[in-house]
Amino acid sequence: MTKVIEKKQMQDFLRMYANLAEKCFNTCCNDFTSKALSSKEETCIMNCTEKFIKHSERVGARFAEYNADAMNASQNQS
């Protein structure tokens, strides 16, 4: 069972990383005249990444709170 959970967690992480890369690339990278990122693109990507990670942390925290509340409610009903 642990292997299944670990595999699911890895799939979720890879999906999140792919979504992050795609979203930030599409939002920030629009000048393809150079293979290097411009300072504007680099700043945009750093901001995009930071916002995405903070959002994911906040959603995770809210989910944990909701889960704890649900468990407390079910224990109180027993």
N, C-alpha and C. Protein backbone atom coordinates (compact mmCIF):
# COMPACT_ATOMS: atom_id res chain seq x y z
N MET A 1 0.81 -1.19 0.00
CA MET A 1 0.00 0.00 0.00
C MET A 1 0.87 1.27 0.00
N THR A 2 1.99 1.22 0.72
CA THR A 2 2.90 2.37 0.78
C THR A 2 3.44 2.71 -0.60
N LYS A 3 3.76 1.69 -1.37
CA LYS A 3 4.28 1.90 -2.73
C LYS A 3 3.25 2.62 -3.60
N VAL A 4 2.00 2.25 -3.47
CA VAL A 4 0.93 2.87 -4.25
C VAL A 4 0.80 4.35 -3.89
N ILE A 5 0.85 4.64 -2.59
CA ILE A 5 0.75 6.03 -2.12
C ILE A 5 1.94 6.83 -2.62
N GLU A 6 3.15 6.26 -2.51
CA GLU A 6 4.35 6.96 -2.97
C GLU A 6 4.28 7.23 -4.47
N LYS A 7 3.79 6.27 -5.22
CA LYS A 7 3.67 6.44 -6.67
C LYS A 7 2.67 7.56 -6.99
N LYS A 8 1.55 7.57 -6.28
CA LYS A 8 0.53 8.60 -6.49
C LYS A 8 1.08 9.98 -6.12
N GLN A 9 1.83 10.07 -5.02
CA GLN A 9 2.42 11.34 -4.63
C GLN A 9 3.42 11.83 -5.68
N MET A 10 4.21 10.92 -6.23
CA MET A 10 5.18 11.29 -7.26
C MET A 10 4.47 11.75 -8.53
N GLN A 11 3.39 11.08 -8.90
CA GLN A 11 2.61 11.50 -10.06
C GLN A 11 2.02 12.89 -9.84
N ASP A 12 1.49 13.13 -8.64
CA ASP A 12 0.92 14.44 -8.32
C ASP A 12 1.99 15.53 -8.37
N PHE A 13 3.18 15.23 -7.84
CA PHE A 13 4.27 16.20 -7.87
C PHE A 13 4.70 16.50 -9.31
N LEU A 14 4.84 15.47 -10.12
CA LEU A 14 5.25 15.68 -11.51
C LEU A 14 4.19 16.45 -12.30
N ARG A 15 2.93 16.18 -12.03
CA ARG A 15 1.84 16.90 -12.69
C ARG A 15 1.88 18.38 -12.28
N MET A 16 2.08 18.64 -10.98
CA MET A 16 2.15 20.01 -10.50
C MET A 16 3.35 20.74 -11.13
N TYR A 17 4.49 20.07 -11.18
CA TYR A 17 5.69 20.68 -11.77
C TYR A 17 5.48 20.98 -13.25
N ALA A 18 4.88 20.06 -13.98
CA ALA A 18 4.62 20.27 -15.41
C ALA A 18 3.66 21.43 -15.62
N ASN A 19 2.61 21.51 -14.79
CA ASN A 19 1.66 22.62 -14.89
C ASN A 19 2.34 23.95 -14.58
N LEU A 20 3.19 23.95 -13.57
CA LEU A 20 3.93 25.16 -13.20
C LEU A 20 4.82 25.60 -14.35
N ALA A 21 5.58 24.68 -14.90
CA ALA A 21 6.50 25.02 -15.99
C ALA A 21 5.74 25.55 -17.20
N GLU A 22 4.65 24.89 -17.55
CA GLU A 22 3.87 25.32 -18.71
C GLU A 22 3.23 26.69 -18.50
N LYS A 23 2.62 26.88 -17.33
CA LYS A 23 1.95 28.16 -17.05
C LYS A 23 2.94 29.32 -17.04
N CYS A 24 4.03 29.15 -16.33
CA CYS A 24 5.01 30.24 -16.24
C CYS A 24 5.71 30.48 -17.58
N PHE A 25 6.00 29.44 -18.32
CA PHE A 25 6.61 29.62 -19.63
C PHE A 25 5.67 30.38 -20.56
N ASN A 26 4.42 29.95 -20.61
CA ASN A 26 3.45 30.61 -21.50
C ASN A 26 3.20 32.06 -21.10
N THR A 27 3.24 32.33 -19.81
CA THR A 27 3.00 33.69 -19.33
C THR A 27 4.21 34.60 -19.52
N CYS A 28 5.39 34.08 -19.29
CA CYS A 28 6.58 34.92 -19.18
C CYS A 28 7.50 34.93 -20.40
N CYS A 29 7.53 33.89 -21.17
CA CYS A 29 8.51 33.79 -22.26
C CYS A 29 7.84 34.11 -23.59
N ASN A 30 8.16 35.30 -24.13
CA ASN A 30 7.56 35.68 -25.40
C ASN A 30 8.59 36.18 -26.41
N ASP A 31 9.84 36.29 -26.02
CA ASP A 31 10.88 36.75 -26.93
C ASP A 31 11.83 35.58 -27.21
N PHE A 32 11.77 35.06 -28.43
CA PHE A 32 12.57 33.89 -28.77
C PHE A 32 13.76 34.25 -29.66
N THR A 33 14.21 35.51 -29.56
CA THR A 33 15.36 35.93 -30.37
C THR A 33 16.68 35.53 -29.72
N SER A 34 16.63 35.10 -28.46
CA SER A 34 17.83 34.67 -27.74
C SER A 34 17.51 33.41 -26.97
N LYS A 35 18.51 32.56 -26.81
CA LYS A 35 18.26 31.34 -26.04
C LYS A 35 18.30 31.60 -24.54
N ALA A 36 18.84 32.73 -24.14
CA ALA A 36 18.89 33.10 -22.72
C ALA A 36 17.65 33.90 -22.35
N LEU A 37 17.27 33.79 -21.09
CA LEU A 37 16.14 34.58 -20.60
C LEU A 37 16.56 36.03 -20.41
N SER A 38 15.68 36.93 -20.75
CA SER A 38 15.94 38.34 -20.44
C SER A 38 15.70 38.55 -18.95
N SER A 39 16.16 39.66 -18.43
CA SER A 39 15.96 39.93 -17.00
C SER A 39 14.47 40.06 -16.69
N LYS A 40 13.70 40.63 -17.62
CA LYS A 40 12.26 40.75 -17.44
C LYS A 40 11.61 39.37 -17.38
N GLU A 41 12.01 38.47 -18.28
CA GLU A 41 11.46 37.11 -18.28
C GLU A 41 11.85 36.36 -17.01
N GLU A 42 13.09 36.52 -16.59
CA GLU A 42 13.56 35.83 -15.40
C GLU A 42 12.80 36.30 -14.16
N THR A 43 12.59 37.60 -14.04
CA THR A 43 11.82 38.14 -12.92
C THR A 43 10.39 37.61 -12.95
N CYS A 44 9.80 37.60 -14.13
CA CYS A 44 8.44 37.09 -14.29
C CYS A 44 8.35 35.63 -13.86
N ILE A 45 9.31 34.83 -14.28
CA ILE A 45 9.30 33.40 -13.94
C ILE A 45 9.47 33.21 -12.43
N MET A 46 10.35 33.99 -11.81
CA MET A 46 10.54 33.88 -10.36
C MET A 46 9.24 34.24 -9.63
N ASN A 47 8.58 35.31 -10.05
CA ASN A 47 7.31 35.71 -9.42
C ASN A 47 6.23 34.67 -9.65
N CYS A 48 6.14 34.17 -10.86
CA CYS A 48 5.14 33.16 -11.20
C CYS A 48 5.34 31.90 -10.36
N THR A 49 6.58 31.46 -10.27
CA THR A 49 6.90 30.26 -9.50
C THR A 49 6.57 30.45 -8.03
N GLU A 50 6.96 31.60 -7.49
CA GLU A 50 6.71 31.88 -6.08
C GLU A 50 5.20 31.90 -5.78
N LYS A 51 4.43 32.54 -6.65
CA LYS A 51 2.98 32.59 -6.44
C LYS A 51 2.37 31.19 -6.51
N PHE A 52 2.81 30.40 -7.48
CA PHE A 52 2.28 29.05 -7.64
C PHE A 52 2.57 28.20 -6.41
N ILE A 53 3.81 28.29 -5.90
CA ILE A 53 4.19 27.49 -4.73
C ILE A 53 3.42 27.95 -3.50
N LYS A 54 3.31 29.26 -3.30
CA LYS A 54 2.54 29.77 -2.15
C LYS A 54 1.08 29.34 -2.24
N HIS A 55 0.52 29.38 -3.45
CA HIS A 55 -0.85 28.93 -3.64
C HIS A 55 -0.99 27.46 -3.28
N SER A 56 -0.07 26.64 -3.75
CA SER A 56 -0.12 25.21 -3.46
C SER A 56 0.00 24.94 -1.97
N GLU A 57 0.87 25.69 -1.29
CA GLU A 57 1.02 25.53 0.16
C GLU A 57 -0.27 25.91 0.87
N ARG A 58 -0.87 27.01 0.44
CA ARG A 58 -2.12 27.47 1.09
C ARG A 58 -3.24 26.46 0.88
N VAL A 59 -3.37 25.94 -0.32
CA VAL A 59 -4.40 24.93 -0.60
C VAL A 59 -4.15 23.69 0.25
N GLY A 60 -2.89 23.26 0.33
CA GLY A 60 -2.55 22.10 1.16
C GLY A 60 -2.89 22.32 2.62
N ALA A 61 -2.60 23.52 3.13
CA ALA A 61 -2.89 23.84 4.53
C ALA A 61 -4.40 23.83 4.76
N ARG A 62 -5.15 24.42 3.85
CA ARG A 62 -6.61 24.45 3.99
C ARG A 62 -7.18 23.04 3.94
N PHE A 63 -6.64 22.22 3.05
CA PHE A 63 -7.10 20.83 2.95
C PHE A 63 -6.82 20.10 4.26
N ALA A 64 -5.64 20.33 4.84
CA ALA A 64 -5.29 19.67 6.10
C ALA A 64 -6.23 20.12 7.21
N GLU A 65 -6.54 21.43 7.25
CA GLU A 65 -7.48 21.94 8.24
C GLU A 65 -8.87 21.31 8.07
N TYR A 66 -9.33 21.26 6.84
CA TYR A 66 -10.63 20.67 6.55
C TYR A 66 -10.65 19.19 6.96
N ASN A 67 -9.58 18.49 6.63
CA ASN A 67 -9.48 17.07 6.96
C ASN A 67 -9.49 16.88 8.48
N ALA A 68 -8.75 17.73 9.22
CA ALA A 68 -8.72 17.63 10.68
C ALA A 68 -10.11 17.92 11.26
N ASP A 69 -10.79 18.94 10.74
CA ASP A 69 -12.14 19.27 11.19
C ASP A 69 -13.10 18.10 10.95
N ALA A 70 -12.99 17.50 9.77
CA ALA A 70 -13.86 16.37 9.44
C ALA A 70 -13.60 15.18 10.36
N MET A 71 -12.34 14.94 10.67
CA MET A 71 -12.01 13.82 11.57
C MET A 71 -12.52 14.11 12.97
N ASN A 72 -12.37 15.35 13.44
CA ASN A 72 -12.88 15.72 14.77
C ASN A 72 -14.39 15.57 14.83
N ALA A 73 -15.06 15.99 13.79
CA ALA A 73 -16.52 15.90 13.74
C ALA A 73 -16.96 14.43 13.78
N SER A 74 -16.26 13.58 13.06
CA SER A 74 -16.65 12.16 13.05
C SER A 74 -16.35 11.50 14.39
N GLN A 75 -15.29 11.94 15.09
CA GLN A 75 -14.97 11.38 16.41
C GLN A 75 -15.99 11.84 17.45
N ASN A 76 -16.45 13.07 17.31
CA ASN A 76 -17.44 13.60 18.25
C ASN A 76 -18.79 12.92 18.10
N GLN A 77 -19.08 12.43 16.92
CA GLN A 77 -20.36 11.75 16.67
C GLN A 77 -20.32 10.33 17.20
N SER A 78 -19.14 9.78 17.39
CA SER A 78 -19.03 8.39 17.85
C SER A 78 -19.33 8.23 19.31
